[in-house]
Amino acid sequence: MDTNKYNDSIFADDDRVDGLAKVTGKAKFSAEFKPAGLTYGVFVCSTIAKGAIKQMDIQDAKKAPGVLDIIYYLNCPEVPGFKPADRTKNPNARDFTGLKVFVQQYGG
């Protein structure tokens, strides 16, 4: 007899609220909703594996058609509700700083 408690949830015959709508093609998915004023953000990652940013000139990019703004390390907003890592529980904990990271290194 298999007493694995996880098997019960895998093989359970539970009703899914949206199951019938999905299999009949009537369900609405998030990509189908287009609210007015919807904007998109795109992260652009570096193509250089190991390097340092010395300066950024974003003026031409800001003038490109459809660009509302460019958010980067010098103007990115604080993350609401962000709490720094609790180093009392883990002294090696590191904060995720995202776009706030800017390290200038001198190699000479």
C-alpha atoms as a PDB file:
ATOM      1  CA  MET A   1       0.000   0.000   0.000  1.00  0.00           C
ATOM      2  CA  ASP A   2       1.363   3.397  -1.015  1.00  0.00           C
ATOM      3  CA  THR A   3       1.117   5.834   1.876  1.00  0.00           C
ATOM      4  CA  ASN A   4       2.771   8.737   0.071  1.00  0.00           C
ATOM      5  CA  LYS A   5       0.657  11.773   0.989  1.00  0.00           C
ATOM      6  CA  TYR A   6       1.588  13.561  -2.252  1.00  0.00           C
ATOM      7  CA  ASN A   7      -0.055  10.945  -4.462  1.00  0.00           C
ATOM      8  CA  ASP A   8      -3.465  11.983  -3.140  1.00  0.00           C
ATOM      9  CA  SER A   9      -3.105  15.508  -4.475  1.00  0.00           C
ATOM     10  CA  ILE A  10      -1.665  14.449  -7.847  1.00  0.00           C
ATOM     11  CA  PHE A  11      -4.448  11.992  -8.644  1.00  0.00           C
ATOM     12  CA  ALA A  12      -7.299  13.850  -6.945  1.00  0.00           C
ATOM     13  CA  ASP A  13     -10.368  14.522  -9.090  1.00  0.00           C
ATOM     14  CA  ASP A  14     -10.823  18.154  -8.088  1.00  0.00           C
ATOM     15  CA  ASP A  15     -12.927  20.577 -10.110  1.00  0.00           C
ATOM     16  CA  ARG A  16     -11.035  23.459 -11.677  1.00  0.00           C
ATOM     17  CA  VAL A  17     -12.901  26.742 -11.769  1.00  0.00           C
ATOM     18  CA  ASP A  18     -11.562  27.651 -15.205  1.00  0.00           C
ATOM     19  CA  GLY A  19     -11.160  24.125 -16.576  1.00  0.00           C
ATOM     20  CA  LEU A  20     -14.255  24.014 -18.786  1.00  0.00           C
ATOM     21  CA  ALA A  21     -13.658  27.510 -20.159  1.00  0.00           C
ATOM     22  CA  LYS A  22     -10.044  26.620 -21.059  1.00  0.00           C
ATOM     23  CA  VAL A  23     -10.791  23.365 -22.855  1.00  0.00           C
ATOM     24  CA  THR A  24     -13.665  24.903 -24.819  1.00  0.00           C
ATOM     25  CA  GLY A  25     -11.659  27.970 -25.865  1.00  0.00           C
ATOM     26  CA  LYS A  26     -13.861  30.436 -23.979  1.00  0.00           C
ATOM     27  CA  ALA A  27     -11.327  31.389 -21.291  1.00  0.00           C
ATOM     28  CA  LYS A  28      -9.719  34.836 -21.338  1.00  0.00           C
ATOM     29  CA  PHE A  29      -5.987  34.894 -20.728  1.00  0.00           C
ATOM     30  CA  SER A  30      -4.002  37.867 -19.421  1.00  0.00           C
ATOM     31  CA  ALA A  31      -2.382  38.542 -22.811  1.00  0.00           C
ATOM     32  CA  GLU A  32      -5.842  39.152 -24.289  1.00  0.00           C
ATOM     33  CA  PHE A  33      -6.542  42.188 -22.083  1.00  0.00           C
ATOM     34  CA  LYS A  34      -5.259  45.519 -23.410  1.00  0.00           C
ATOM     35  CA  PRO A  35      -5.973  48.306 -20.903  1.00  0.00           C
ATOM     36  CA  ALA A  36      -5.809  51.895 -22.164  1.00  0.00           C
ATOM     37  CA  GLY A  37      -2.400  53.483 -21.681  1.00  0.00           C
ATOM     38  CA  LEU A  38      -0.608  50.151 -21.345  1.00  0.00           C
ATOM     39  CA  THR A  39       3.166  50.500 -21.595  1.00  0.00           C
ATOM     40  CA  TYR A  40       5.913  47.891 -21.785  1.00  0.00           C
ATOM     41  CA  GLY A  41       9.302  47.776 -20.151  1.00  0.00           C
ATOM     42  CA  VAL A  42      12.307  46.004 -21.600  1.00  0.00           C
ATOM     43  CA  PHE A  43      15.480  45.070 -19.741  1.00  0.00           C
ATOM     44  CA  VAL A  44      18.568  45.384 -21.878  1.00  0.00           C
ATOM     45  CA  CYS A  45      21.455  43.302 -20.630  1.00  0.00           C
ATOM     46  CA  SER A  46      25.108  43.785 -21.329  1.00  0.00           C
ATOM     47  CA  THR A  47      26.676  41.885 -24.186  1.00  0.00           C
ATOM     48  CA  ILE A  48      30.041  42.058 -22.432  1.00  0.00           C
ATOM     49  CA  ALA A  49      30.549  39.320 -19.861  1.00  0.00           C
ATOM     50  CA  LYS A  50      33.073  41.163 -17.712  1.00  0.00           C
ATOM     51  CA  GLY A  51      33.372  44.904 -17.892  1.00  0.00           C
ATOM     52  CA  ALA A  52      32.617  48.194 -16.220  1.00  0.00           C
ATOM     53  CA  ILE A  53      30.406  51.102 -17.250  1.00  0.00           C
ATOM     54  CA  LYS A  54      32.397  54.314 -17.416  1.00  0.00           C
ATOM     55  CA  GLN A  55      29.611  56.541 -18.717  1.00  0.00           C
ATOM     56  CA  MET A  56      26.209  56.369 -20.367  1.00  0.00           C
ATOM     57  CA  ASP A  57      24.862  58.729 -23.002  1.00  0.00           C
ATOM     58  CA  ILE A  58      21.142  58.006 -23.277  1.00  0.00           C
ATOM     59  CA  GLN A  59      20.001  61.223 -24.961  1.00  0.00           C
ATOM     60  CA  ASP A  60      19.602  59.725 -28.465  1.00  0.00           C
ATOM     61  CA  ALA A  61      17.827  56.677 -27.059  1.00  0.00           C
ATOM     62  CA  LYS A  62      15.348  58.903 -25.184  1.00  0.00           C
ATOM     63  CA  LYS A  63      14.444  60.597 -28.476  1.00  0.00           C
ATOM     64  CA  ALA A  64      13.618  57.305 -30.230  1.00  0.00           C
ATOM     65  CA  PRO A  65       9.977  56.894 -31.319  1.00  0.00           C
ATOM     66  CA  GLY A  66       7.784  55.367 -28.623  1.00  0.00           C
ATOM     67  CA  VAL A  67      10.298  55.728 -25.787  1.00  0.00           C
ATOM     68  CA  LEU A  68       8.688  57.277 -22.702  1.00  0.00           C
ATOM     69  CA  ASP A  69      11.721  57.139 -20.432  1.00  0.00           C
ATOM     70  CA  ILE A  70      14.867  55.164 -19.720  1.00  0.00           C
ATOM     71  CA  ILE A  71      15.281  53.880 -16.210  1.00  0.00           C
ATOM     72  CA  TYR A  72      18.840  53.079 -15.231  1.00  0.00           C
ATOM     73  CA  TYR A  73      21.047  53.091 -12.153  1.00  0.00           C
ATOM     74  CA  LEU A  74      21.115  56.885 -11.776  1.00  0.00           C
ATOM     75  CA  ASN A  75      17.347  57.468 -11.853  1.00  0.00           C
ATOM     76  CA  CYS A  76      15.652  54.217 -10.829  1.00  0.00           C
ATOM     77  CA  PRO A  77      13.027  54.550  -8.081  1.00  0.00           C
ATOM     78  CA  GLU A  78      13.165  52.824  -4.735  1.00  0.00           C
ATOM     79  CA  VAL A  79      11.334  49.497  -4.596  1.00  0.00           C
ATOM     80  CA  PRO A  80       8.216  49.859  -2.397  1.00  0.00           C
ATOM     81  CA  GLY A  81       8.272  47.509   0.564  1.00  0.00           C
ATOM     82  CA  PHE A  82      11.911  46.484   0.046  1.00  0.00           C
ATOM     83  CA  LYS A  83      13.494  45.359   3.287  1.00  0.00           C
ATOM     84  CA  PRO A  84      17.251  44.875   3.584  1.00  0.00           C
ATOM     85  CA  ALA A  85      18.496  41.370   4.370  1.00  0.00           C
ATOM     86  CA  ASP A  86      18.483  40.352   8.039  1.00  0.00           C
ATOM     87  CA  ARG A  87      22.152  39.736   8.782  1.00  0.00           C
ATOM     88  CA  THR A  88      21.419  38.584  12.336  1.00  0.00           C
ATOM     89  CA  LYS A  89      19.971  35.359  10.879  1.00  0.00           C
ATOM     90  CA  ASN A  90      22.536  35.030   8.107  1.00  0.00           C
ATOM     91  CA  PRO A  91      25.724  37.115   8.296  1.00  0.00           C
ATOM     92  CA  ASN A  92      26.467  36.328   4.630  1.00  0.00           C
ATOM     93  CA  ALA A  93      23.087  37.600   3.384  1.00  0.00           C
ATOM     94  CA  ARG A  94      23.234  40.059   0.509  1.00  0.00           C
ATOM     95  CA  ASP A  95      20.680  42.668  -0.491  1.00  0.00           C
ATOM     96  CA  PHE A  96      19.332  42.545  -4.029  1.00  0.00           C
ATOM     97  CA  THR A  97      19.937  46.032  -5.304  1.00  0.00           C
ATOM     98  CA  GLY A  98      18.940  45.511  -8.929  1.00  0.00           C
ATOM     99  CA  LEU A  99      19.537  48.660 -10.930  1.00  0.00           C
ATOM    100  CA  LYS A 100      21.136  50.420  -7.973  1.00  0.00           C
ATOM    101  CA  VAL A 101      24.355  48.464  -8.455  1.00  0.00           C
ATOM    102  CA  PHE A 102      27.125  50.595  -9.834  1.00  0.00           C
ATOM    103  CA  VAL A 103      30.676  49.559  -9.211  1.00  0.00           C
ATOM    104  CA  GLN A 104      33.516  51.559 -10.665  1.00  0.00           C
ATOM    105  CA  GLN A 105      36.775  49.710 -10.544  1.00  0.00           C
ATOM    106  CA  TYR A 106      40.238  50.945 -11.209  1.00  0.00           C
ATOM    107  CA  GLY A 107      42.515  48.322 -12.683  1.00  0.00           C
ATOM    108  CA  GLY A 108      45.801  50.215 -12.894  1.00  0.00           C
END
